[in-house]
């Protein structure tokens, strides 16, 4: 029987897919309002990570054009996308509208530096300044017939850990599962994996010069759930980024 091309694709949980993308990407395109050419948008590629509330942290040079633009108008957009071979428009992408403003928070800077260790030098010696992008509304596109707007409450649902919970889980991971942790970086010229961040949806590891996101198949509510996820091999890397040890 010939295939019916009118059959709609299977429905997916757009909010869950968007959350996975928001938590799992560590660079994106920051679009600001150009102060040099008023009325035009200005796009920049930037590294990023999330703070413990789920908002995005950016460490920006005071000399950068996007920093000057934000000083005049903090309204911005942040676009994250799934890198893939072939048609990039078949991959997932997420554009969030929000405000991006300077953020003077020592704990947030420490978190940034766990993800990007050179950030400490940039912040202390080169006058880079931490900014916090707080999303207000997001547009998710997961492929054919899946584009939709999402409220920020749906995007940020279930992705936040408080600082103490995250620190306790990181200690548990480094202690009880040191061999598993080291296995992810067996090829990284002897550099062992370090925990950069933890949230209910997964674990982020720093492996030498790269970040590796391991997505959980169920919520990582506590150390027991984390250990069970490791035992069940339920922490999986983004496709194409690594293989399980």
C-alpha atoms as a PDB file:
ATOM      1  CA  UNK A   1       0.000   0.000   0.000  1.00  0.00           C
ATOM      2  CA  UNK A   2       1.323   3.437  -0.871  1.00  0.00           C
ATOM      3  CA  UNK A   3       2.273   5.628   2.040  1.00  0.00           C
ATOM      4  CA  UNK A   4      -0.182   8.407   2.830  1.00  0.00           C
ATOM      5  CA  UNK A   5       1.960  11.543   2.770  1.00  0.00           C
ATOM      6  CA  UNK A   6      -0.829  13.479   4.473  1.00  0.00           C
ATOM      7  CA  UNK A   7      -0.374  11.527   7.706  1.00  0.00           C
ATOM      8  CA  UNK A   8       0.817  13.975  10.364  1.00  0.00           C
ATOM      9  CA  UNK A   9       4.116  13.267  12.097  1.00  0.00           C
ATOM     10  CA  UNK A  10       3.989  11.781  15.620  1.00  0.00           C
ATOM     11  CA  UNK A  11       3.350  14.315  18.320  1.00  0.00           C
ATOM     12  CA  UNK A  12       6.219  15.186  20.629  1.00  0.00           C
ATOM     13  CA  UNK A  13       6.424  17.080  23.900  1.00  0.00           C
ATOM     14  CA  UNK A  14       7.650  20.420  22.581  1.00  0.00           C
ATOM     15  CA  UNK A  15       8.312  21.825  26.055  1.00  0.00           C
ATOM     16  CA  UNK A  16      10.424  18.817  27.059  1.00  0.00           C
ATOM     17  CA  UNK A  17      12.379  18.973  23.794  1.00  0.00           C
ATOM     18  CA  UNK A  18      12.947  22.705  24.250  1.00  0.00           C
ATOM     19  CA  UNK A  19      14.147  22.169  27.828  1.00  0.00           C
ATOM     20  CA  UNK A  20      16.599  19.538  26.631  1.00  0.00           C
ATOM     21  CA  UNK A  21      17.982  21.984  24.079  1.00  0.00           C
ATOM     22  CA  UNK A  22      18.126  24.857  26.572  1.00  0.00           C
ATOM     23  CA  UNK A  23      20.069  22.719  29.067  1.00  0.00           C
ATOM     24  CA  UNK A  24      22.269  20.938  26.544  1.00  0.00           C
ATOM     25  CA  UNK A  25      23.808  23.661  24.395  1.00  0.00           C
ATOM     26  CA  UNK A  26      26.804  25.742  25.483  1.00  0.00           C
ATOM     27  CA  UNK A  27      26.959  28.303  22.692  1.00  0.00           C
ATOM     28  CA  UNK A  28      24.383  30.177  20.687  1.00  0.00           C
ATOM     29  CA  UNK A  29      23.624  33.371  18.796  1.00  0.00           C
ATOM     30  CA  UNK A  30      22.944  36.480  20.868  1.00  0.00           C
ATOM     31  CA  UNK A  31      20.981  39.088  18.919  1.00  0.00           C
ATOM     32  CA  UNK A  32      20.956  42.649  20.238  1.00  0.00           C
ATOM     33  CA  UNK A  33      19.704  46.017  19.018  1.00  0.00           C
ATOM     34  CA  UNK A  34      22.530  47.727  17.142  1.00  0.00           C
ATOM     35  CA  UNK A  35      23.541  51.065  18.618  1.00  0.00           C
ATOM     36  CA  UNK A  36      25.898  51.755  15.702  1.00  0.00           C
ATOM     37  CA  UNK A  37      23.184  51.134  13.100  1.00  0.00           C
ATOM     38  CA  UNK A  38      19.865  51.894  14.829  1.00  0.00           C
ATOM     39  CA  UNK A  39      16.957  49.748  13.725  1.00  0.00           C
ATOM     40  CA  UNK A  40      19.102  46.772  12.717  1.00  0.00           C
ATOM     41  CA  UNK A  41      19.664  43.580  14.721  1.00  0.00           C
ATOM     42  CA  UNK A  42      23.227  42.535  15.568  1.00  0.00           C
ATOM     43  CA  UNK A  43      24.047  38.831  15.988  1.00  0.00           C
ATOM     44  CA  UNK A  44      27.032  37.399  17.865  1.00  0.00           C
ATOM     45  CA  UNK A  45      28.123  33.852  18.638  1.00  0.00           C
ATOM     46  CA  UNK A  46      28.595  33.498  22.411  1.00  0.00           C
ATOM     47  CA  UNK A  47      29.416  30.716  24.891  1.00  0.00           C
ATOM     48  CA  UNK A  48      26.873  30.208  27.649  1.00  0.00           C
ATOM     49  CA  UNK A  49      25.791  28.061  30.555  1.00  0.00           C
ATOM     50  CA  UNK A  50      22.765  28.143  32.849  1.00  0.00           C
ATOM     51  CA  UNK A  51      22.615  29.422  36.401  1.00  0.00           C
ATOM     52  CA  UNK A  52      20.873  27.480  39.166  1.00  0.00           C
ATOM     53  CA  UNK A  53      17.511  29.041  38.308  1.00  0.00           C
ATOM     54  CA  UNK A  54      17.741  28.051  34.642  1.00  0.00           C
ATOM     55  CA  UNK A  55      18.545  31.494  33.203  1.00  0.00           C
ATOM     56  CA  UNK A  56      21.510  31.789  30.823  1.00  0.00           C
ATOM     57  CA  UNK A  57      24.868  33.219  31.907  1.00  0.00           C
ATOM     58  CA  UNK A  58      27.128  35.037  29.436  1.00  0.00           C
ATOM     59  CA  UNK A  59      30.600  36.446  30.075  1.00  0.00           C
ATOM     60  CA  UNK A  60      30.990  39.429  27.762  1.00  0.00           C
ATOM     61  CA  UNK A  61      33.886  41.749  27.009  1.00  0.00           C
ATOM     62  CA  UNK A  62      33.230  45.402  27.715  1.00  0.00           C
ATOM     63  CA  UNK A  63      34.761  46.129  24.291  1.00  0.00           C
ATOM     64  CA  UNK A  64      32.367  43.860  22.386  1.00  0.00           C
ATOM     65  CA  UNK A  65      29.719  45.459  20.211  1.00  0.00           C
ATOM     66  CA  UNK A  66      26.978  43.363  21.815  1.00  0.00           C
ATOM     67  CA  UNK A  67      27.960  44.697  25.258  1.00  0.00           C
ATOM     68  CA  UNK A  68      27.608  48.253  24.012  1.00  0.00           C
ATOM     69  CA  UNK A  69      24.275  47.390  22.461  1.00  0.00           C
ATOM     70  CA  UNK A  70      22.986  45.838  25.696  1.00  0.00           C
ATOM     71  CA  UNK A  71      24.069  48.849  27.726  1.00  0.00           C
ATOM     72  CA  UNK A  72      21.744  50.950  25.563  1.00  0.00           C
ATOM     73  CA  UNK A  73      18.912  48.396  25.330  1.00  0.00           C
ATOM     74  CA  UNK A  74      18.922  45.125  27.324  1.00  0.00           C
ATOM     75  CA  UNK A  75      16.255  43.504  25.149  1.00  0.00           C
ATOM     76  CA  UNK A  76      17.769  40.618  23.222  1.00  0.00           C
ATOM     77  CA  UNK A  77      17.201  37.204  21.671  1.00  0.00           C
ATOM     78  CA  UNK A  78      19.202  34.044  22.265  1.00  0.00           C
ATOM     79  CA  UNK A  79      19.081  31.269  19.665  1.00  0.00           C
ATOM     80  CA  UNK A  80      20.266  27.722  20.381  1.00  0.00           C
ATOM     81  CA  UNK A  81      20.327  24.942  17.821  1.00  0.00           C
ATOM     82  CA  UNK A  82      21.168  21.308  17.361  1.00  0.00           C
ATOM     83  CA  UNK A  83      24.258  20.856  15.197  1.00  0.00           C
ATOM     84  CA  UNK A  84      23.919  18.066  12.688  1.00  0.00           C
ATOM     85  CA  UNK A  85      25.075  16.834   9.303  1.00  0.00           C
ATOM     86  CA  UNK A  86      22.911  17.601   6.309  1.00  0.00           C
ATOM     87  CA  UNK A  87      19.995  20.005   6.427  1.00  0.00           C
ATOM     88  CA  UNK A  88      20.400  22.053   9.601  1.00  0.00           C
ATOM     89  CA  UNK A  89      16.735  23.065   9.398  1.00  0.00           C
ATOM     90  CA  UNK A  90      15.791  19.470  10.165  1.00  0.00           C
ATOM     91  CA  UNK A  91      17.402  19.882  13.573  1.00  0.00           C
ATOM     92  CA  UNK A  92      15.874  21.372  16.679  1.00  0.00           C
ATOM     93  CA  UNK A  93      16.236  25.082  17.392  1.00  0.00           C
ATOM     94  CA  UNK A  94      15.032  27.443  20.061  1.00  0.00           C
ATOM     95  CA  UNK A  95      14.896  31.236  20.052  1.00  0.00           C
ATOM     96  CA  UNK A  96      14.148  33.005  23.328  1.00  0.00           C
ATOM     97  CA  UNK A  97      13.268  36.660  23.725  1.00  0.00           C
ATOM     98  CA  UNK A  98      14.331  38.260  26.968  1.00  0.00           C
ATOM     99  CA  UNK A  99      16.485  40.767  28.781  1.00  0.00           C
ATOM    100  CA  UNK A 100      20.248  40.463  29.135  1.00  0.00           C
ATOM    101  CA  UNK A 101      21.782  42.590  31.878  1.00  0.00           C
ATOM    102  CA  UNK A 102      24.986  42.705  33.962  1.00  0.00           C
ATOM    103  CA  UNK A 103      24.923  40.234  36.824  1.00  0.00           C
ATOM    104  CA  UNK A 104      27.260  40.746  39.761  1.00  0.00           C
ATOM    105  CA  UNK A 105      27.056  37.385  41.521  1.00  0.00           C
ATOM    106  CA  UNK A 106      30.111  35.517  42.817  1.00  0.00           C
ATOM    107  CA  UNK A 107      28.394  32.099  42.859  1.00  0.00           C
ATOM    108  CA  UNK A 108      27.251  32.542  39.265  1.00  0.00           C
ATOM    109  CA  UNK A 109      30.780  33.470  38.177  1.00  0.00           C
ATOM    110  CA  UNK A 110      32.149  30.389  39.947  1.00  0.00           C
ATOM    111  CA  UNK A 111      29.592  28.277  38.091  1.00  0.00           C
ATOM    112  CA  UNK A 112      30.594  29.884  34.789  1.00  0.00           C
ATOM    113  CA  UNK A 113      34.246  29.104  35.479  1.00  0.00           C
ATOM    114  CA  UNK A 114      33.449  25.431  36.129  1.00  0.00           C
ATOM    115  CA  UNK A 115      32.110  25.327  32.591  1.00  0.00           C
ATOM    116  CA  UNK A 116      34.721  27.653  31.071  1.00  0.00           C
ATOM    117  CA  UNK A 117      37.874  27.685  33.258  1.00  0.00           C
ATOM    118  CA  UNK A 118      39.517  30.559  31.382  1.00  0.00           C
ATOM    119  CA  UNK A 119      36.639  32.773  32.420  1.00  0.00           C
ATOM    120  CA  UNK A 120      38.354  33.658  35.694  1.00  0.00           C
ATOM    121  CA  UNK A 121      41.230  35.325  33.851  1.00  0.00           C
ATOM    122  CA  UNK A 122      38.823  37.084  31.509  1.00  0.00           C
ATOM    123  CA  UNK A 123      36.767  38.413  34.421  1.00  0.00           C
ATOM    124  CA  UNK A 124      39.649  39.411  36.715  1.00  0.00           C
ATOM    125  CA  UNK A 125      42.252  40.647  34.248  1.00  0.00           C
ATOM    126  CA  UNK A 126      40.509  41.507  30.975  1.00  0.00           C
ATOM    127  CA  UNK A 127      37.417  43.285  32.294  1.00  0.00           C
ATOM    128  CA  UNK A 128      34.874  40.781  31.004  1.00  0.00           C
ATOM    129  CA  UNK A 129      31.565  41.119  32.814  1.00  0.00           C
ATOM    130  CA  UNK A 130      29.027  38.447  33.666  1.00  0.00           C
ATOM    131  CA  UNK A 131      25.558  38.958  32.192  1.00  0.00           C
ATOM    132  CA  UNK A 132      22.334  37.086  32.863  1.00  0.00           C
ATOM    133  CA  UNK A 133      19.867  36.455  30.057  1.00  0.00           C
ATOM    134  CA  UNK A 134      16.395  35.952  31.499  1.00  0.00           C
ATOM    135  CA  UNK A 135      14.011  34.479  28.897  1.00  0.00           C
ATOM    136  CA  UNK A 136      10.519  35.929  28.712  1.00  0.00           C
ATOM    137  CA  UNK A 137       9.032  33.999  25.777  1.00  0.00           C
ATOM    138  CA  UNK A 138      10.446  31.317  23.493  1.00  0.00           C
ATOM    139  CA  UNK A 139       9.811  29.920  20.043  1.00  0.00           C
ATOM    140  CA  UNK A 140      10.674  26.241  19.541  1.00  0.00           C
ATOM    141  CA  UNK A 141      10.986  24.470  16.203  1.00  0.00           C
ATOM    142  CA  UNK A 142      11.607  20.728  16.240  1.00  0.00           C
ATOM    143  CA  UNK A 143      11.056  20.108  12.530  1.00  0.00           C
ATOM    144  CA  UNK A 144       8.044  19.829  10.250  1.00  0.00           C
ATOM    145  CA  UNK A 145       4.792  21.076  11.840  1.00  0.00           C
ATOM    146  CA  UNK A 146       6.321  21.442  15.296  1.00  0.00           C
ATOM    147  CA  UNK A 147       6.984  25.189  15.544  1.00  0.00           C
ATOM    148  CA  UNK A 148       5.254  26.875  18.463  1.00  0.00           C
ATOM    149  CA  UNK A 149       5.608  29.558  21.088  1.00  0.00           C
ATOM    150  CA  UNK A 150       6.286  28.468  24.672  1.00  0.00           C
ATOM    151  CA  UNK A 151       5.804  30.359  27.895  1.00  0.00           C
ATOM    152  CA  UNK A 152       8.937  30.685  29.994  1.00  0.00           C
ATOM    153  CA  UNK A 153       7.292  28.733  32.818  1.00  0.00           C
ATOM    154  CA  UNK A 154       7.122  25.688  30.543  1.00  0.00           C
ATOM    155  CA  UNK A 155      10.723  26.104  29.403  1.00  0.00           C
ATOM    156  CA  UNK A 156      12.188  26.449  32.894  1.00  0.00           C
ATOM    157  CA  UNK A 157       9.985  23.847  34.606  1.00  0.00           C
ATOM    158  CA  UNK A 158      11.933  21.147  36.446  1.00  0.00           C
ATOM    159  CA  UNK A 159      15.425  22.269  35.448  1.00  0.00           C
ATOM    160  CA  UNK A 160      16.594  24.085  38.586  1.00  0.00           C
ATOM    161  CA  UNK A 161      18.656  22.828  41.532  1.00  0.00           C
ATOM    162  CA  UNK A 162      19.658  25.041  44.425  1.00  0.00           C
ATOM    163  CA  UNK A 163      23.398  25.532  44.900  1.00  0.00           C
ATOM    164  CA  UNK A 164      23.679  23.211  47.918  1.00  0.00           C
ATOM    165  CA  UNK A 165      21.824  20.334  46.233  1.00  0.00           C
ATOM    166  CA  UNK A 166      23.980  20.618  43.134  1.00  0.00           C
ATOM    167  CA  UNK A 167      27.177  20.687  45.201  1.00  0.00           C
ATOM    168  CA  UNK A 168      26.115  17.619  47.196  1.00  0.00           C
ATOM    169  CA  UNK A 169      25.331  15.648  44.039  1.00  0.00           C
ATOM    170  CA  UNK A 170      28.651  16.677  42.474  1.00  0.00           C
ATOM    171  CA  UNK A 171      30.510  15.400  45.557  1.00  0.00           C
ATOM    172  CA  UNK A 172      28.551  12.143  45.413  1.00  0.00           C
ATOM    173  CA  UNK A 173      29.372  11.726  41.725  1.00  0.00           C
ATOM    174  CA  UNK A 174      33.084  12.428  42.199  1.00  0.00           C
ATOM    175  CA  UNK A 175      33.309  10.090  45.197  1.00  0.00           C
ATOM    176  CA  UNK A 176      31.010   7.133  44.628  1.00  0.00           C
ATOM    177  CA  UNK A 177      31.360   7.065  40.850  1.00  0.00           C
ATOM    178  CA  UNK A 178      34.917   8.222  40.205  1.00  0.00           C
ATOM    179  CA  UNK A 179      35.687   5.367  37.797  1.00  0.00           C
ATOM    180  CA  UNK A 180      32.550   6.009  35.770  1.00  0.00           C
ATOM    181  CA  UNK A 181      33.370   9.701  35.680  1.00  0.00           C
ATOM    182  CA  UNK A 182      36.919   9.091  34.483  1.00  0.00           C
ATOM    183  CA  UNK A 183      35.699   6.773  31.755  1.00  0.00           C
ATOM    184  CA  UNK A 184      34.145   9.620  29.795  1.00  0.00           C
ATOM    185  CA  UNK A 185      37.516  11.234  29.213  1.00  0.00           C
ATOM    186  CA  UNK A 186      39.704   8.201  28.567  1.00  0.00           C
ATOM    187  CA  UNK A 187      40.775   9.730  25.230  1.00  0.00           C
ATOM    188  CA  UNK A 188      41.394  13.284  26.419  1.00  0.00           C
ATOM    189  CA  UNK A 189      45.209  13.080  26.689  1.00  0.00           C
ATOM    190  CA  UNK A 190      45.017  12.043  30.321  1.00  0.00           C
ATOM    191  CA  UNK A 191      42.661  14.845  31.370  1.00  0.00           C
ATOM    192  CA  UNK A 192      40.004  13.495  33.708  1.00  0.00           C
ATOM    193  CA  UNK A 193      36.378  14.528  33.615  1.00  0.00           C
ATOM    194  CA  UNK A 194      35.177  17.156  36.064  1.00  0.00           C
ATOM    195  CA  UNK A 195      31.606  17.984  36.972  1.00  0.00           C
ATOM    196  CA  UNK A 196      30.691  21.377  35.535  1.00  0.00           C
ATOM    197  CA  UNK A 197      27.019  21.316  36.434  1.00  0.00           C
ATOM    198  CA  UNK A 198      24.076  19.189  37.551  1.00  0.00           C
ATOM    199  CA  UNK A 199      20.364  19.707  37.155  1.00  0.00           C
ATOM    200  CA  UNK A 200      17.305  17.432  37.329  1.00  0.00           C
ATOM    201  CA  UNK A 201      17.567  16.737  33.588  1.00  0.00           C
ATOM    202  CA  UNK A 202      21.213  15.745  33.355  1.00  0.00           C
ATOM    203  CA  UNK A 203      24.916  16.174  34.070  1.00  0.00           C
ATOM    204  CA  UNK A 204      27.439  18.427  32.366  1.00  0.00           C
ATOM    205  CA  UNK A 205      31.073  17.314  32.364  1.00  0.00           C
ATOM    206  CA  UNK A 206      34.187  19.289  31.550  1.00  0.00           C
ATOM    207  CA  UNK A 207      36.463  16.987  29.519  1.00  0.00           C
ATOM    208  CA  UNK A 208      39.679  18.830  28.771  1.00  0.00           C
ATOM    209  CA  UNK A 209      38.690  21.650  26.424  1.00  0.00           C
ATOM    210  CA  UNK A 210      35.163  20.469  25.741  1.00  0.00           C
ATOM    211  CA  UNK A 211      31.852  20.233  27.539  1.00  0.00           C
ATOM    212  CA  UNK A 212      29.828  17.035  27.410  1.00  0.00           C
ATOM    213  CA  UNK A 213      26.135  16.965  28.226  1.00  0.00           C
ATOM    214  CA  UNK A 214      24.674  13.706  29.552  1.00  0.00           C
ATOM    215  CA  UNK A 215      20.879  13.787  29.455  1.00  0.00           C
ATOM    216  CA  UNK A 216      18.945  11.816  32.064  1.00  0.00           C
ATOM    217  CA  UNK A 217      16.078   9.531  31.100  1.00  0.00           C
ATOM    218  CA  UNK A 218      14.320  10.360  34.380  1.00  0.00           C
ATOM    219  CA  UNK A 219      14.600  13.170  36.957  1.00  0.00           C
ATOM    220  CA  UNK A 220      17.788  13.246  39.040  1.00  0.00           C
ATOM    221  CA  UNK A 221      16.076  14.184  42.278  1.00  0.00           C
ATOM    222  CA  UNK A 222      18.768  12.953  44.693  1.00  0.00           C
ATOM    223  CA  UNK A 223      21.948  10.871  45.008  1.00  0.00           C
ATOM    224  CA  UNK A 224      19.982   7.598  44.865  1.00  0.00           C
ATOM    225  CA  UNK A 225      18.388   8.598  41.565  1.00  0.00           C
ATOM    226  CA  UNK A 226      21.794   9.662  40.215  1.00  0.00           C
ATOM    227  CA  UNK A 227      23.388   6.337  41.177  1.00  0.00           C
ATOM    228  CA  UNK A 228      20.471   4.431  39.664  1.00  0.00           C
ATOM    229  CA  UNK A 229      20.790   6.373  36.407  1.00  0.00           C
ATOM    230  CA  UNK A 230      24.471   5.442  36.218  1.00  0.00           C
ATOM    231  CA  UNK A 231      23.807   1.790  37.021  1.00  0.00           C
ATOM    232  CA  UNK A 232      21.030   1.612  34.421  1.00  0.00           C
ATOM    233  CA  UNK A 233      23.117   3.477  31.809  1.00  0.00           C
ATOM    234  CA  UNK A 234      20.347   6.058  31.671  1.00  0.00           C
ATOM    235  CA  UNK A 235      22.656   9.063  31.319  1.00  0.00           C
ATOM    236  CA  UNK A 236      23.228   9.437  27.604  1.00  0.00           C
ATOM    237  CA  UNK A 237      25.325  11.934  25.640  1.00  0.00           C
ATOM    238  CA  UNK A 238      23.941  14.104  22.900  1.00  0.00           C
ATOM    239  CA  UNK A 239      24.002  12.134  19.607  1.00  0.00           C
ATOM    240  CA  UNK A 240      27.401  12.154  17.950  1.00  0.00           C
ATOM    241  CA  UNK A 241      29.257  13.740  20.862  1.00  0.00           C
ATOM    242  CA  UNK A 242      30.581  10.652  22.657  1.00  0.00           C
ATOM    243  CA  UNK A 243      30.020   6.976  23.355  1.00  0.00           C
ATOM    244  CA  UNK A 244      29.322   5.553  26.775  1.00  0.00           C
ATOM    245  CA  UNK A 245      32.348   4.127  28.655  1.00  0.00           C
END
